[in-house]
Amino acid sequence: MKFQVRIGKISLTQGRALFLIAGPCVIESESHALMMAQRLSATARRLSVPYVFKASFDKANRTSASSYRGPGLERGLQILARIRKETGVPVLTDVHEVGQVAPAAEVCDVLQIPAFLCRQTDLLEAAGRSQVAINIKKGQFVSPWDMRNAVEKIEQTGNHRILITERGSTFGYNNLVVDMRGLAVMRAWGYPVVLDCTHALQLPGGEGKRSGGQPQFIETLARAGVAAGADGIFMEVHDNPDKALSDATTALDLRNFAPLARRLRDLGRFIRRMR
């Protein structure tokens, strides 16, 4: 059975046009987040690509205690509300604790369960009860088929507005690998499946107090995911990746977003004609 996941004015459904979830890893400032949302949404509209803006008000799982985490719940949600109002695009943000779910659900179209928390029953159930769309990140330590348990925890709340995002699996120390078979496994449950082509290229903790990354392979991985049947592509984008306050080593340069989005859109259309 296929479920239609309605998010704002767009419909994210298996077999429909490829959609994109993109934005900076964390809200760095109101002006920066708004600028990124305006430029990314303008590109998506020009290319006729369904688009969701993403940014976190808090990154609670940074490698180092000294790393920037974000503006916090209250201020972060104020910024996301402004972005949603002024750009007209749906917004997505992470929730890390049950207490964050209700206020975030009042502002955001999609609540994201971070990969490290994909087995946290209380958080999944609280997110499900909010009845907004839920994007579950597959943990690096979880097999694709075991993600069925996370999905069921949300389903039992009566919420079927679910997305499942692949972000790579632990492969030895400080490395991740994407098994494309997992996209087919998770897609069989009837929900849109997304490939996170930037987090999947992290080298977790690879630089001591922060994670390393291999951004030169973003397009390679994204194109492989679209060809393998991903319904959407998730990517972190920044106008100056070297200066990004979070995930600087894996973010896509904003200058490369439009050409990559165009190529992925065209590839997605070709793949769907073949089905």
Protein backbone atom coordinates (compact mmCIF):
# COMPACT_ATOMS: atom_id res chain seq x y z
CA MET A 1 0.00 0.00 0.00
CA LYS A 2 1.28 3.47 -0.87
CA PHE A 3 0.69 6.46 1.34
CA GLN A 4 0.57 10.03 0.11
CA VAL A 5 2.64 12.26 2.35
CA ARG A 6 1.25 15.77 2.11
CA ILE A 7 3.65 18.47 3.27
CA GLY A 8 2.43 22.02 2.94
CA LYS A 9 1.40 22.53 -0.68
CA ILE A 10 3.42 19.63 -2.05
CA SER A 11 2.79 15.91 -2.17
CA LEU A 12 5.74 13.59 -1.56
CA THR A 13 4.61 10.27 -2.94
CA GLN A 14 6.30 7.23 -4.39
CA GLY A 15 6.40 7.34 -8.15
CA ARG A 16 5.97 11.13 -8.36
CA ALA A 17 8.62 13.71 -9.21
CA LEU A 18 11.89 13.59 -7.29
CA PHE A 19 11.84 15.96 -4.33
CA LEU A 20 14.68 17.70 -2.53
CA ILE A 21 15.28 18.44 1.15
CA ALA A 22 18.11 20.95 1.45
CA GLY A 23 19.53 23.69 3.64
CA PRO A 24 22.30 24.44 6.13
CA CYS A 25 23.00 21.88 8.85
CA VAL A 26 22.22 24.33 11.64
CA ILE A 27 20.67 27.80 11.91
CA GLU A 28 23.70 30.08 12.12
CA SER A 29 21.76 33.35 12.21
CA GLU A 30 18.35 34.59 11.13
CA SER A 31 19.73 36.50 8.15
CA HIS A 32 21.84 33.56 6.95
CA ALA A 33 19.04 31.00 7.27
CA LEU A 34 16.56 33.29 5.48
CA MET A 35 19.04 34.02 2.69
CA MET A 36 19.69 30.31 2.18
CA ALA A 37 15.97 29.50 2.14
CA GLN A 38 15.25 32.26 -0.37
CA ARG A 39 18.00 31.18 -2.76
CA LEU A 40 17.32 27.46 -2.50
CA SER A 41 13.55 27.83 -2.87
CA ALA A 42 13.97 30.18 -5.85
CA THR A 43 16.13 27.58 -7.58
CA ALA A 44 13.64 24.81 -6.82
CA ARG A 45 10.75 26.86 -8.21
CA ARG A 46 12.70 27.68 -11.34
CA LEU A 47 13.42 23.99 -11.89
CA SER A 48 9.90 22.87 -10.88
CA VAL A 49 11.33 20.57 -8.20
CA PRO A 50 9.29 19.93 -5.02
CA TYR A 51 11.38 21.33 -2.18
CA VAL A 52 11.55 21.33 1.63
CA PHE A 53 13.89 23.66 3.53
CA LYS A 54 15.85 22.09 6.40
CA ALA A 55 17.87 23.54 9.24
CA SER A 56 18.30 22.57 12.89
CA PHE A 57 17.67 24.84 15.86
CA ASP A 58 19.98 22.59 17.88
CA LYS A 59 22.58 19.96 17.00
CA ALA A 60 22.65 17.92 20.18
CA ASN A 61 25.07 15.27 18.93
CA ARG A 62 28.12 17.29 17.92
CA THR A 63 31.46 15.50 18.20
CA SER A 64 32.92 18.03 20.63
CA ALA A 65 31.31 19.81 23.57
CA SER A 66 32.85 23.05 22.28
CA SER A 67 31.15 22.84 18.86
CA TYR A 68 28.38 25.28 17.91
CA ARG A 69 24.94 23.77 18.47
CA GLY A 70 22.50 26.42 17.26
CA PRO A 71 20.25 29.21 18.59
CA GLY A 72 18.09 26.88 20.68
CA LEU A 73 14.44 25.88 20.54
CA GLU A 74 12.61 29.18 21.08
CA ARG A 75 14.76 31.41 18.90
CA GLY A 76 15.25 28.70 16.29
CA LEU A 77 11.52 28.16 15.86
CA GLN A 78 10.95 31.89 15.51
CA ILE A 79 13.43 31.92 12.63
CA LEU A 80 11.90 28.85 10.98
CA ALA A 81 8.42 30.37 11.28
CA ARG A 82 9.61 33.49 9.48
CA ILE A 83 11.23 31.40 6.73
CA ARG A 84 8.05 29.39 6.25
CA LYS A 85 5.92 32.56 6.07
CA GLU A 86 8.19 34.57 3.77
CA THR A 87 9.23 31.84 1.33
CA GLY A 88 6.07 29.73 1.32
CA VAL A 89 8.07 26.49 1.41
CA PRO A 90 7.67 23.69 3.96
CA VAL A 91 10.31 23.54 6.70
CA LEU A 92 11.97 20.62 8.46
CA THR A 93 13.92 20.52 11.71
CA ASP A 94 15.29 17.94 14.14
CA VAL A 95 13.75 17.14 17.49
CA HIS A 96 15.90 15.46 20.13
CA GLU A 97 13.61 15.32 23.16
CA VAL A 98 9.91 14.68 23.75
CA GLY A 99 9.49 18.20 25.14
CA GLN A 100 10.60 19.72 21.82
CA VAL A 101 7.96 17.94 19.75
CA ALA A 102 4.84 20.01 20.51
CA PRO A 103 6.37 23.48 19.99
CA ALA A 104 8.25 22.34 16.87
CA ALA A 105 5.09 20.80 15.42
CA GLU A 106 3.31 24.16 15.70
CA VAL A 107 5.86 25.73 13.36
CA CYS A 108 7.36 23.02 11.17
CA ASP A 109 5.88 20.85 8.43
CA VAL A 110 8.28 17.97 9.07
CA LEU A 111 9.87 16.77 12.30
CA GLN A 112 13.07 14.84 11.83
CA ILE A 113 14.24 12.06 14.11
CA PRO A 114 18.06 12.14 14.16
CA ALA A 115 19.85 8.94 13.19
CA PHE A 116 21.26 8.37 16.67
CA LEU A 117 17.71 8.53 18.10
CA CYS A 118 15.86 6.32 15.62
CA ARG A 119 15.22 3.68 18.31
CA GLN A 120 14.00 6.11 21.00
CA THR A 121 10.43 4.90 21.50
CA ASP A 122 9.15 7.85 23.55
CA LEU A 123 10.46 10.34 20.99
CA LEU A 124 9.06 8.43 18.01
CA GLU A 125 5.66 8.06 19.62
CA ALA A 126 5.49 11.71 20.66
CA ALA A 127 6.46 12.78 17.14
CA GLY A 128 3.83 10.48 15.69
CA ARG A 129 1.11 11.87 17.92
CA SER A 130 1.86 15.38 16.64
CA GLN A 131 0.33 14.27 13.31
CA VAL A 132 2.80 16.33 11.29
CA ALA A 133 5.03 14.53 8.80
CA ILE A 134 7.95 12.62 10.35
CA ASN A 135 11.30 11.99 8.67
CA ILE A 136 13.14 9.13 10.38
CA LYS A 137 16.88 9.06 9.77
CA LYS A 138 18.20 5.50 9.66
CA GLY A 139 20.84 5.04 12.33
CA GLN A 140 24.35 4.20 11.19
CA PHE A 141 24.09 1.15 13.44
CA VAL A 142 20.71 -0.11 12.17
CA SER A 143 20.02 -2.43 9.24
CA PRO A 144 17.45 -1.32 6.65
CA TRP A 145 14.99 -4.07 7.63
CA ASP A 146 15.24 -3.18 11.33
CA MET A 147 13.95 0.30 10.50
CA ARG A 148 10.54 -1.32 10.17
CA ASN A 149 10.34 -1.22 13.97
CA ALA A 150 10.84 2.55 14.02
CA VAL A 151 8.18 2.99 11.35
CA GLU A 152 5.70 0.87 13.32
CA LYS A 153 6.21 2.97 16.45
CA ILE A 154 4.93 5.97 14.50
CA GLU A 155 2.22 4.04 12.65
CA GLN A 156 0.67 2.90 15.91
CA THR A 157 -0.08 6.54 16.75
CA GLY A 158 -2.26 6.71 13.64
CA ASN A 159 0.26 8.86 11.77
CA HIS A 160 1.16 7.58 8.29
CA ARG A 161 2.88 10.77 7.13
CA ILE A 162 6.30 9.12 7.23
CA LEU A 163 9.54 9.52 5.30
CA ILE A 164 12.55 7.25 5.79
CA THR A 165 16.04 8.57 5.12
CA GLU A 166 19.13 6.48 4.42
CA ARG A 167 22.36 8.12 5.62
CA GLY A 168 24.92 5.33 5.47
CA SER A 169 26.04 2.56 7.76
CA THR A 170 29.12 2.31 9.96
CA PHE A 171 31.94 0.69 8.02
CA GLY A 172 34.88 0.15 10.33
CA TYR A 173 36.23 3.17 12.17
CA ASN A 174 35.50 6.75 11.02
CA ASN A 175 33.77 5.68 7.84
CA LEU A 176 30.30 5.13 6.41
CA VAL A 177 29.04 3.27 3.36
CA VAL A 178 25.65 3.30 1.62
CA ASP A 179 24.16 -0.05 0.67
CA MET A 180 21.77 0.81 -2.15
CA ARG A 181 19.82 -2.38 -1.49
CA GLY A 182 18.52 -0.68 1.65
CA LEU A 183 16.57 1.85 -0.43
CA ALA A 184 14.59 -0.98 -2.04
CA VAL A 185 14.07 -2.73 1.31
CA MET A 186 12.63 0.37 2.97
CA ARG A 187 10.74 1.53 -0.11
CA ALA A 188 8.73 -1.71 -0.11
CA TRP A 189 6.83 -0.49 2.98
CA GLY A 190 5.01 2.11 0.91
CA TYR A 191 6.60 5.28 2.22
CA PRO A 192 8.82 7.76 0.36
CA VAL A 193 12.49 6.91 0.84
CA VAL A 194 15.17 9.61 0.85
CA LEU A 195 18.93 9.39 0.42
CA ASP A 196 21.00 11.79 2.50
CA CYS A 197 23.95 12.27 0.17
CA THR A 198 25.94 14.59 2.44
CA HIS A 199 25.77 12.96 5.90
CA ALA A 200 26.45 9.63 4.20
CA LEU A 201 29.83 11.03 3.17
CA GLN A 202 30.90 11.91 6.69
CA LEU A 203 33.99 10.43 8.27
CA PRO A 204 32.57 10.39 11.82
CA GLY A 205 35.03 11.83 14.30
CA GLY A 206 37.64 11.60 11.57
CA GLU A 207 39.31 14.88 12.49
CA GLY A 208 39.47 14.44 16.24
CA LYS A 209 37.09 17.10 17.55
CA ARG A 210 34.94 17.09 14.43
CA SER A 211 33.91 14.76 11.65
CA GLY A 212 35.69 14.72 8.32
CA GLY A 213 34.02 14.23 4.98
CA GLN A 214 34.28 13.53 1.27
CA PRO A 215 32.13 16.18 -0.45
CA GLN A 216 33.73 15.42 -3.82
CA PHE A 217 31.45 12.37 -3.99
CA ILE A 218 28.14 14.18 -3.29
CA GLU A 219 26.98 14.11 -6.91
CA THR A 220 28.17 10.54 -7.42
CA LEU A 221 26.17 9.32 -4.44
CA ALA A 222 23.11 11.44 -5.23
CA ARG A 223 22.93 10.21 -8.80
CA ALA A 224 23.37 6.61 -7.67
CA GLY A 225 20.52 7.05 -5.18
CA VAL A 226 18.15 8.49 -7.79
CA ALA A 227 19.02 5.68 -10.20
CA ALA A 228 18.39 3.13 -7.42
CA GLY A 229 14.87 4.48 -6.86
CA ALA A 230 15.12 7.09 -4.10
CA ASP A 231 12.03 9.29 -3.99
CA GLY A 232 13.94 12.24 -2.61
CA ILE A 233 17.45 13.53 -2.01
CA PHE A 234 18.53 15.19 1.23
CA MET A 235 21.57 17.44 1.20
CA GLU A 236 23.15 20.04 3.40
CA VAL A 237 24.00 23.19 1.47
CA HIS A 238 26.01 26.23 2.51
CA ASP A 239 27.13 29.38 0.72
CA ASN A 240 30.62 29.05 2.22
CA PRO A 241 31.16 25.44 3.34
CA ASP A 242 34.62 26.08 4.77
CA LYS A 243 33.09 28.57 7.21
CA ALA A 244 29.98 26.54 8.07
CA LEU A 245 29.42 26.18 11.81
CA SER A 246 28.38 22.53 11.48
CA ASP A 247 29.26 19.77 9.00
CA ALA A 248 31.61 22.05 7.09
CA THR A 249 33.44 19.06 5.61
CA THR A 250 30.41 17.58 3.85
CA ALA A 251 28.14 20.47 2.83
CA LEU A 252 27.45 21.14 -0.83
CA ASP A 253 28.53 24.59 -2.01
CA LEU A 254 25.46 26.69 -2.78
CA ARG A 255 26.96 27.53 -6.18
CA ASN A 256 26.67 23.87 -7.14
CA PHE A 257 23.09 23.38 -5.98
CA ALA A 258 21.28 24.54 -9.12
CA PRO A 259 23.28 22.48 -11.64
CA LEU A 260 23.14 19.40 -9.43
CA ALA A 261 19.41 19.80 -8.79
CA ARG A 262 18.81 20.10 -12.53
CA ARG A 263 20.76 16.93 -13.29
CA LEU A 264 19.03 15.00 -10.52
CA ARG A 265 15.61 16.21 -11.68
CA ASP A 266 16.32 15.06 -15.24
CA LEU A 267 17.70 11.73 -14.09
CA GLY A 268 14.66 11.22 -11.88
CA ARG A 269 12.32 11.84 -14.81
CA PHE A 270 14.24 9.35 -16.94
CA ILE A 271 14.18 6.67 -14.24
CA ARG A 272 10.46 7.10 -13.67
CA ARG A 273 9.72 6.72 -17.39
CA MET A 274 11.49 3.38 -17.30
CA ARG A 275 9.27 1.95 -14.55
